Amino acid sequence: MLHSRRQFTLGLGALALPGVTLASTQQAAWPFLKPGDTIDVIAPSSPVDLPHERYEIIRAYFKNTPYNVNIPEDLIEPTSPLDEANTIEKRVAFIHAAFNSSSKAVWAIGGGGWGTRLLGELAKLPRPQIVKPLLGYSDVTALHVFCNQHWGMPSIQSVVLGINGDISPGWNKTGLSEAMDVLTGKTPTVTYPLTAVNPPAAELTHTVSRIVGGNSLLVSALNGTSQFTLDTRGKFLFLESVADNPGQFSRKLMGMALSPLVQQCAGVIFGDVIQTGGRPNSPETQAQIDAIIGQFGSRFAPTKPVMLAKNLFGHGEVNLPLPLNTVATFTNLSGGRLTVAVSANMVP
């Protein structure tokens, strides 16, 4: 891995365009939430533990905010034997209702598995007319890919609503406030440190792009599909990972590296790569992952800017909001700062 002395920062934001619909612009930003607005909750993947108790904790949290949350009582009815949050039909119906309601955001209550099983049915439905962001991470990547690629909507890689530092404290220490600040426009631009992995990243001066991606398992699983392969042309591919040992992670990464997913992208940003959810990597495992990412940047994507967002996004202790499919301007400023400002009015 390139040991650059230069520190990079990533800044992301979204401009409020009230009343913007997909019919008027393909790169629309979501309208920032205002007091009284509602967030719809969906369960696209696995059930959370003790769902009705979790609902009440979430509702209590939002009672102390100016915003409302809508959680259907029958949102989670675990299936057998797969232990999905609900049947495919009901999960699709809840997602369809959420994106077509008067709410201003759609937030997944949890990740886990089974989200890709919904995409074929969702693709049969008409595209929503009002732009609103999807929030979540991990298995919710299936819906990020769908919203970004199939519907042309923006979304936010962030903590899930039912498992985070506020609602269910544990390994993940990030609460809801950072994502709420992005949703409401309190923080229209967020800035994060990035580290250059290879010379093209260290030499990056100015480019306009977008960021797409998410969990490496979901991105890899959908790669090559006729409808849901990410179009990364002119975009930065974001990848984070969990539940993969270094060998498994390397195999998925090589499959992507040898495909148009990486060959046609503008660059790659790595979030955390965690072997076992809820635990830090051992020094040996971390050394192997560092070597895999370093070799990826030097040997398998040597002409692409490859950057590392360490301890910022994914299944580590910290999982900050990262807007996806919004237009971003990368500029290398004095002192080696790389700032990415998002504007719905800019075209790459």
Protein backbone atom coordinates (compact mmCIF):
# COMPACT_ATOMS: atom_id res chain seq x y z
CA MET A 1 0.00 0.00 0.00
CA LEU A 2 1.27 3.44 -0.89
CA HIS A 3 2.45 5.24 2.24
CA SER A 4 1.58 8.73 1.07
CA ARG A 5 2.28 11.58 3.46
CA ARG A 6 -0.69 13.39 2.07
CA GLN A 7 -4.04 13.22 3.80
CA PHE A 8 -7.18 13.19 1.69
CA THR A 9 -10.64 14.25 2.73
CA LEU A 10 -13.95 13.35 1.22
CA GLY A 11 -16.78 15.86 1.45
CA LEU A 12 -20.29 14.98 0.36
CA GLY A 13 -23.52 16.90 0.40
CA ALA A 14 -26.86 17.29 -1.34
CA LEU A 15 -28.72 20.39 -2.43
CA ALA A 16 -32.37 20.71 -1.51
CA LEU A 17 -34.64 20.88 -4.54
CA PRO A 18 -38.20 20.92 -3.18
CA GLY A 19 -40.73 19.29 -5.48
CA VAL A 20 -38.12 17.81 -7.83
CA THR A 21 -39.29 14.62 -9.52
CA LEU A 22 -37.42 12.11 -11.62
CA ALA A 23 -39.30 13.39 -14.65
CA SER A 24 -37.56 16.75 -14.40
CA THR A 25 -33.98 15.65 -13.75
CA GLN A 26 -32.07 12.38 -13.63
CA GLN A 27 -29.64 13.68 -10.99
CA ALA A 28 -32.10 15.11 -8.48
CA ALA A 29 -31.28 15.49 -4.81
CA TRP A 30 -33.75 14.76 -2.07
CA PRO A 31 -35.63 17.64 -0.45
CA PHE A 32 -34.20 18.09 3.04
CA LEU A 33 -36.54 17.03 5.83
CA LYS A 34 -38.48 19.74 7.62
CA PRO A 35 -40.17 19.55 11.03
CA GLY A 36 -43.28 17.41 10.77
CA ASP A 37 -41.94 15.28 7.91
CA THR A 38 -42.15 11.49 8.10
CA ILE A 39 -39.62 8.70 7.62
CA ASP A 40 -41.03 5.36 6.41
CA VAL A 41 -39.42 2.22 7.83
CA ILE A 42 -38.91 -0.93 5.75
CA ALA A 43 -37.54 -4.41 6.53
CA PRO A 44 -36.12 -5.67 3.23
CA SER A 45 -33.85 -8.37 4.59
CA SER A 46 -33.68 -10.31 7.87
CA PRO A 47 -35.82 -9.67 10.98
CA VAL A 48 -34.41 -7.75 13.92
CA ASP A 49 -34.64 -9.33 17.37
CA LEU A 50 -37.77 -8.50 19.39
CA PRO A 51 -39.17 -6.33 16.59
CA HIS A 52 -42.11 -4.79 18.49
CA GLU A 53 -39.85 -3.76 21.35
CA ARG A 54 -37.48 -2.28 18.79
CA TYR A 55 -40.36 -0.39 17.17
CA GLU A 56 -41.19 1.27 20.48
CA ILE A 57 -37.57 2.28 21.10
CA ILE A 58 -37.40 3.84 17.63
CA ARG A 59 -40.72 5.64 18.12
CA ALA A 60 -39.56 6.95 21.50
CA TYR A 61 -36.37 8.28 19.89
CA PHE A 62 -38.30 10.22 17.25
CA LYS A 63 -40.76 11.63 19.79
CA ASN A 64 -37.81 13.71 20.96
CA THR A 65 -37.25 15.08 17.45
CA PRO A 66 -39.36 17.31 15.17
CA TYR A 67 -39.80 14.36 12.78
CA ASN A 68 -42.22 11.43 12.54
CA VAL A 69 -41.55 7.76 11.91
CA ASN A 70 -43.96 5.30 10.33
CA ILE A 71 -43.47 1.64 11.29
CA PRO A 72 -46.27 -0.73 10.21
CA GLU A 73 -47.12 -3.16 13.03
CA ASP A 74 -46.98 -6.11 10.62
CA LEU A 75 -43.69 -5.01 9.04
CA ILE A 76 -41.82 -8.03 10.42
CA GLU A 77 -43.41 -11.48 10.35
CA PRO A 78 -40.44 -13.89 10.09
CA THR A 79 -40.69 -16.67 7.54
CA SER A 80 -39.64 -20.29 7.88
CA PRO A 81 -37.23 -21.87 7.13
CA LEU A 82 -35.28 -18.93 5.64
CA ASP A 83 -36.00 -16.49 8.49
CA GLU A 84 -36.69 -13.53 6.20
CA ALA A 85 -38.23 -10.42 7.72
CA ASN A 86 -41.45 -11.20 5.85
CA THR A 87 -42.61 -12.85 2.66
CA ILE A 88 -41.28 -11.51 -0.62
CA GLU A 89 -44.72 -10.19 -1.53
CA LYS A 90 -45.15 -8.27 1.73
CA ARG A 91 -41.63 -6.85 1.74
CA VAL A 92 -42.08 -5.61 -1.83
CA ALA A 93 -45.48 -4.14 -0.92
CA PHE A 94 -44.02 -2.25 2.06
CA ILE A 95 -41.16 -0.90 -0.06
CA HIS A 96 -43.54 0.16 -2.83
CA ALA A 97 -45.82 1.90 -0.34
CA ALA A 98 -42.90 3.68 1.36
CA PHE A 99 -41.47 5.09 -1.87
CA ASN A 100 -44.89 6.25 -3.02
CA SER A 101 -46.12 7.76 0.24
CA SER A 102 -45.86 11.38 1.37
CA SER A 103 -42.81 10.58 3.52
CA LYS A 104 -39.46 12.22 2.78
CA ALA A 105 -37.12 9.25 3.41
CA VAL A 106 -37.13 5.44 3.55
CA TRP A 107 -34.95 3.82 6.23
CA ALA A 108 -34.23 0.09 6.53
CA ILE A 109 -34.63 -1.29 10.04
CA GLY A 110 -31.98 -3.96 9.52
CA GLY A 111 -29.80 -5.88 7.09
CA GLY A 112 -28.80 -9.52 7.28
CA GLY A 113 -29.79 -11.36 4.11
CA TRP A 114 -32.40 -12.03 1.40
CA GLY A 115 -32.65 -8.53 -0.08
CA THR A 116 -31.63 -9.61 -3.59
CA ARG A 117 -34.72 -11.86 -3.74
CA LEU A 118 -36.88 -8.73 -4.03
CA LEU A 119 -35.25 -7.06 -7.02
CA GLY A 120 -37.04 -8.95 -9.79
CA GLU A 121 -40.44 -8.10 -8.30
CA LEU A 122 -39.48 -4.48 -7.61
CA ALA A 123 -38.37 -4.11 -11.23
CA LYS A 124 -41.95 -4.84 -12.35
CA LEU A 125 -43.28 -1.81 -10.47
CA PRO A 126 -43.43 1.74 -11.85
CA ARG A 127 -40.66 4.11 -10.86
CA PRO A 128 -41.62 6.46 -8.00
CA GLN A 129 -42.21 10.05 -9.06
CA ILE A 130 -40.96 11.81 -5.94
CA VAL A 131 -37.27 11.64 -5.05
CA LYS A 132 -36.52 10.40 -1.54
CA PRO A 133 -33.38 8.69 -0.19
CA LEU A 134 -33.06 5.12 1.00
CA LEU A 135 -30.89 4.64 4.10
CA GLY A 136 -29.10 1.54 5.37
CA TYR A 137 -26.08 -0.65 4.70
CA SER A 138 -24.91 -4.28 4.53
CA ASP A 139 -27.63 -6.36 2.80
CA VAL A 140 -29.50 -3.11 2.11
CA THR A 141 -26.87 -2.67 -0.62
CA ALA A 142 -29.21 -4.72 -2.84
CA LEU A 143 -31.72 -1.86 -2.62
CA HIS A 144 -29.01 0.81 -2.98
CA VAL A 145 -27.97 -0.81 -6.24
CA PHE A 146 -31.61 -1.03 -7.34
CA CYS A 147 -32.44 2.58 -6.41
CA ASN A 148 -29.23 3.98 -7.90
CA GLN A 149 -29.14 1.85 -11.04
CA HIS A 150 -32.76 1.01 -11.88
CA TRP A 151 -34.63 4.03 -10.55
CA GLY A 152 -31.84 6.63 -10.88
CA MET A 153 -32.38 7.76 -7.29
CA PRO A 154 -29.82 8.92 -4.72
CA SER A 155 -29.43 7.00 -1.47
CA ILE A 156 -27.34 7.06 1.69
CA GLN A 157 -25.10 4.27 2.96
CA SER A 158 -25.63 4.60 6.72
CA VAL A 159 -26.51 2.76 9.90
CA VAL A 160 -29.76 0.80 9.78
CA LEU A 161 -32.56 2.29 11.86
CA GLY A 162 -33.05 -0.59 14.28
CA ILE A 163 -29.42 -1.50 15.00
CA ASN A 164 -27.11 1.40 15.84
CA GLY A 165 -25.48 3.23 18.71
CA ASP A 166 -28.74 4.88 19.82
CA ILE A 167 -31.37 2.17 19.38
CA SER A 168 -29.38 -1.00 20.03
CA PRO A 169 -25.95 -0.09 21.38
CA GLY A 170 -23.25 -2.65 20.79
CA TRP A 171 -20.31 -3.03 18.44
CA ASN A 172 -21.52 -0.21 16.19
CA LYS A 173 -21.10 3.04 18.09
CA THR A 174 -22.55 5.38 15.43
CA GLY A 175 -25.96 6.76 16.33
CA LEU A 176 -28.65 8.33 14.19
CA SER A 177 -27.66 11.98 14.48
CA GLU A 178 -25.08 12.01 11.66
CA ALA A 179 -27.52 10.54 9.15
CA MET A 180 -30.33 12.81 10.40
CA ASP A 181 -28.06 15.83 9.94
CA VAL A 182 -27.56 14.85 6.28
CA LEU A 183 -31.28 14.18 5.78
CA THR A 184 -32.32 17.51 7.25
CA GLY A 185 -29.60 19.63 5.64
CA LYS A 186 -28.03 20.55 8.96
CA THR A 187 -24.84 19.10 7.48
CA PRO A 188 -25.16 19.71 3.72
CA THR A 189 -21.51 18.74 3.21
CA VAL A 190 -19.70 16.04 5.16
CA THR A 191 -15.92 15.66 5.13
CA TYR A 192 -13.96 12.47 5.74
CA PRO A 193 -10.25 11.52 5.62
CA LEU A 194 -9.12 9.19 2.83
CA THR A 195 -5.71 7.64 2.28
CA ALA A 196 -4.16 7.08 -1.16
CA VAL A 197 -3.45 3.42 -1.90
CA ASN A 198 -1.69 3.92 -5.25
CA PRO A 199 0.00 6.73 -7.25
CA PRO A 200 -3.08 7.68 -9.32
CA ALA A 201 -4.91 8.46 -6.08
CA ALA A 202 -1.99 10.48 -4.72
CA GLU A 203 -1.79 12.38 -7.99
CA LEU A 204 -5.53 13.00 -8.34
CA THR A 205 -6.16 16.69 -8.92
CA HIS A 206 -9.67 17.33 -10.19
CA THR A 207 -12.50 15.11 -11.41
CA VAL A 208 -16.28 15.15 -11.34
CA SER A 209 -17.93 11.85 -10.58
CA ARG A 210 -20.48 9.98 -8.50
CA ILE A 211 -20.12 7.20 -5.92
CA VAL A 212 -21.99 3.89 -6.14
CA GLY A 213 -21.61 0.52 -4.44
CA GLY A 214 -21.78 -0.79 -0.90
CA ASN A 215 -21.24 -4.23 0.58
CA SER A 216 -18.83 -6.22 -1.57
CA LEU A 217 -20.87 -9.45 -1.37
CA LEU A 218 -23.98 -7.81 -2.82
CA VAL A 219 -22.09 -5.80 -5.44
CA SER A 220 -20.24 -8.97 -6.49
CA ALA A 221 -23.38 -11.14 -6.48
CA LEU A 222 -25.24 -8.73 -8.78
CA ASN A 223 -22.24 -8.17 -11.07
CA GLY A 224 -23.02 -9.66 -14.47
CA THR A 225 -26.80 -9.61 -14.09
CA SER A 226 -28.71 -8.11 -17.01
CA GLN A 227 -30.66 -5.57 -14.93
CA PHE A 228 -28.73 -4.90 -11.73
CA THR A 229 -25.03 -4.77 -12.57
CA LEU A 230 -23.77 -1.37 -11.51
CA ASP A 231 -22.84 0.93 -14.36
CA THR A 232 -19.60 2.35 -12.98
CA ARG A 233 -18.53 4.27 -16.06
CA GLY A 234 -17.26 7.63 -14.83
CA LYS A 235 -18.10 6.75 -11.21
CA PHE A 236 -16.18 5.77 -8.09
CA LEU A 237 -16.94 2.29 -6.77
CA PHE A 238 -17.32 2.08 -2.98
CA LEU A 239 -16.78 -1.30 -1.31
CA GLU A 240 -16.98 -2.50 2.30
CA SER A 241 -17.05 -6.10 3.51
CA VAL A 242 -17.98 -8.38 6.41
CA ALA A 243 -18.01 -12.13 7.09
CA ASP A 244 -15.23 -12.81 4.58
CA ASN A 245 -11.83 -14.15 5.49
CA PRO A 246 -8.99 -12.61 3.45
CA GLY A 247 -9.09 -15.37 0.86
CA GLN A 248 -12.83 -15.01 0.27
CA PHE A 249 -12.56 -11.24 0.07
CA SER A 250 -9.70 -11.53 -2.41
CA ARG A 251 -11.67 -13.87 -4.68
CA LYS A 252 -14.66 -11.51 -4.81
CA LEU A 253 -12.38 -8.54 -5.39
CA MET A 254 -10.54 -10.28 -8.22
CA GLY A 255 -13.83 -11.19 -9.89
CA MET A 256 -14.79 -7.53 -9.84
CA ALA A 257 -11.31 -6.38 -10.90
CA LEU A 258 -11.44 -8.54 -14.02
CA SER A 259 -14.89 -7.29 -14.99
CA PRO A 260 -16.15 -3.96 -16.42
CA LEU A 261 -17.27 -3.07 -12.88
CA VAL A 262 -13.69 -2.07 -12.02
CA GLN A 263 -12.18 -1.80 -15.49
CA GLN A 264 -14.63 0.96 -16.46
CA CYS A 265 -14.90 2.79 -13.12
CA ALA A 266 -13.27 6.13 -12.34
CA GLY A 267 -11.72 4.82 -9.13
CA VAL A 268 -12.30 2.70 -6.03
CA ILE A 269 -12.91 3.69 -2.39
CA PHE A 270 -12.57 0.96 0.23
CA GLY A 271 -14.47 1.13 3.50
CA ASP A 272 -13.85 -1.31 6.35
CA VAL A 273 -13.20 -4.97 5.60
CA ILE A 274 -14.22 -6.92 8.73
CA GLN A 275 -13.80 -10.69 8.90
CA THR A 276 -16.17 -11.30 11.83
CA GLY A 277 -19.07 -8.95 12.52
CA GLY A 278 -18.84 -7.32 15.93
CA ARG A 279 -15.14 -8.00 16.37
CA PRO A 280 -11.98 -6.20 15.31
CA ASN A 281 -9.70 -8.01 12.89
CA SER A 282 -6.72 -9.80 14.35
CA PRO A 283 -3.34 -8.25 13.45
CA GLU A 284 -2.65 -11.16 11.09
CA THR A 285 -5.99 -10.81 9.32
CA GLN A 286 -5.63 -7.04 9.03
CA ALA A 287 -2.15 -7.42 7.55
CA GLN A 288 -3.53 -9.76 4.89
CA ILE A 289 -6.41 -7.43 4.05
CA ASP A 290 -4.03 -4.47 3.82
CA ALA A 291 -1.85 -6.48 1.44
CA ILE A 292 -4.84 -7.48 -0.71
CA ILE A 293 -6.02 -3.87 -1.05
CA GLY A 294 -2.47 -2.65 -1.65
CA GLN A 295 -1.87 -5.22 -4.41
CA PHE A 296 -5.28 -4.44 -5.90
CA GLY A 297 -4.21 -0.82 -6.29
CA SER A 298 -0.71 -1.58 -7.59
CA ARG A 299 -1.31 -4.64 -9.77
CA PHE A 300 -4.99 -5.14 -10.61
CA ALA A 301 -6.20 -1.53 -10.88
CA PRO A 302 -2.92 0.35 -11.38
CA THR A 303 -4.43 3.11 -13.53
CA LYS A 304 -7.40 3.80 -11.22
CA PRO A 305 -7.26 6.05 -8.16
CA VAL A 306 -7.68 3.63 -5.26
CA MET A 307 -8.35 5.13 -1.83
CA LEU A 308 -8.98 3.82 1.67
CA ALA A 309 -11.59 5.21 4.06
CA LYS A 310 -10.34 3.65 7.28
CA ASN A 311 -12.70 3.27 10.25
CA LEU A 312 -15.42 5.32 8.58
CA PHE A 313 -17.91 3.16 6.67
CA GLY A 314 -19.17 -0.39 7.02
CA HIS A 315 -19.28 -3.05 9.70
CA GLY A 316 -16.71 -1.57 12.06
CA GLU A 317 -17.40 0.45 15.18
CA VAL A 318 -18.02 3.55 13.05
CA ASN A 319 -20.46 3.71 10.13
CA LEU A 320 -20.94 7.28 8.96
CA PRO A 321 -23.39 8.41 6.24
CA LEU A 322 -22.08 8.25 2.68
CA PRO A 323 -24.43 9.63 -0.01
CA LEU A 324 -24.53 7.46 -3.13
CA ASN A 325 -25.38 8.35 -6.74
CA THR A 326 -25.03 12.07 -6.19
CA VAL A 327 -22.71 14.19 -8.31
CA ALA A 328 -19.36 14.74 -6.60
CA THR A 329 -16.43 17.00 -7.45
CA PHE A 330 -13.00 15.74 -6.37
CA THR A 331 -10.48 18.55 -6.04
CA ASN A 332 -6.95 18.28 -4.68
CA LEU A 333 -6.41 21.47 -2.73
CA SER A 334 -3.32 22.86 -1.00
CA GLY A 335 -1.96 20.61 1.70
CA GLY A 336 -3.12 17.46 -0.09
CA ARG A 337 -6.80 17.81 0.73
CA LEU A 338 -9.24 16.00 -1.53
CA THR A 339 -12.69 17.54 -1.16
CA VAL A 340 -15.80 16.12 -2.77
CA ALA A 341 -18.73 18.53 -2.95
CA VAL A 342 -22.06 17.20 -4.20
CA SER A 343 -24.41 19.36 -6.25
CA ALA A 344 -27.56 18.29 -8.00
CA ASN A 345 -27.03 21.11 -10.49
CA MET A 346 -23.69 19.80 -11.74
CA VAL A 347 -23.28 17.28 -14.55
CA PRO A 348 -20.08 15.21 -14.82
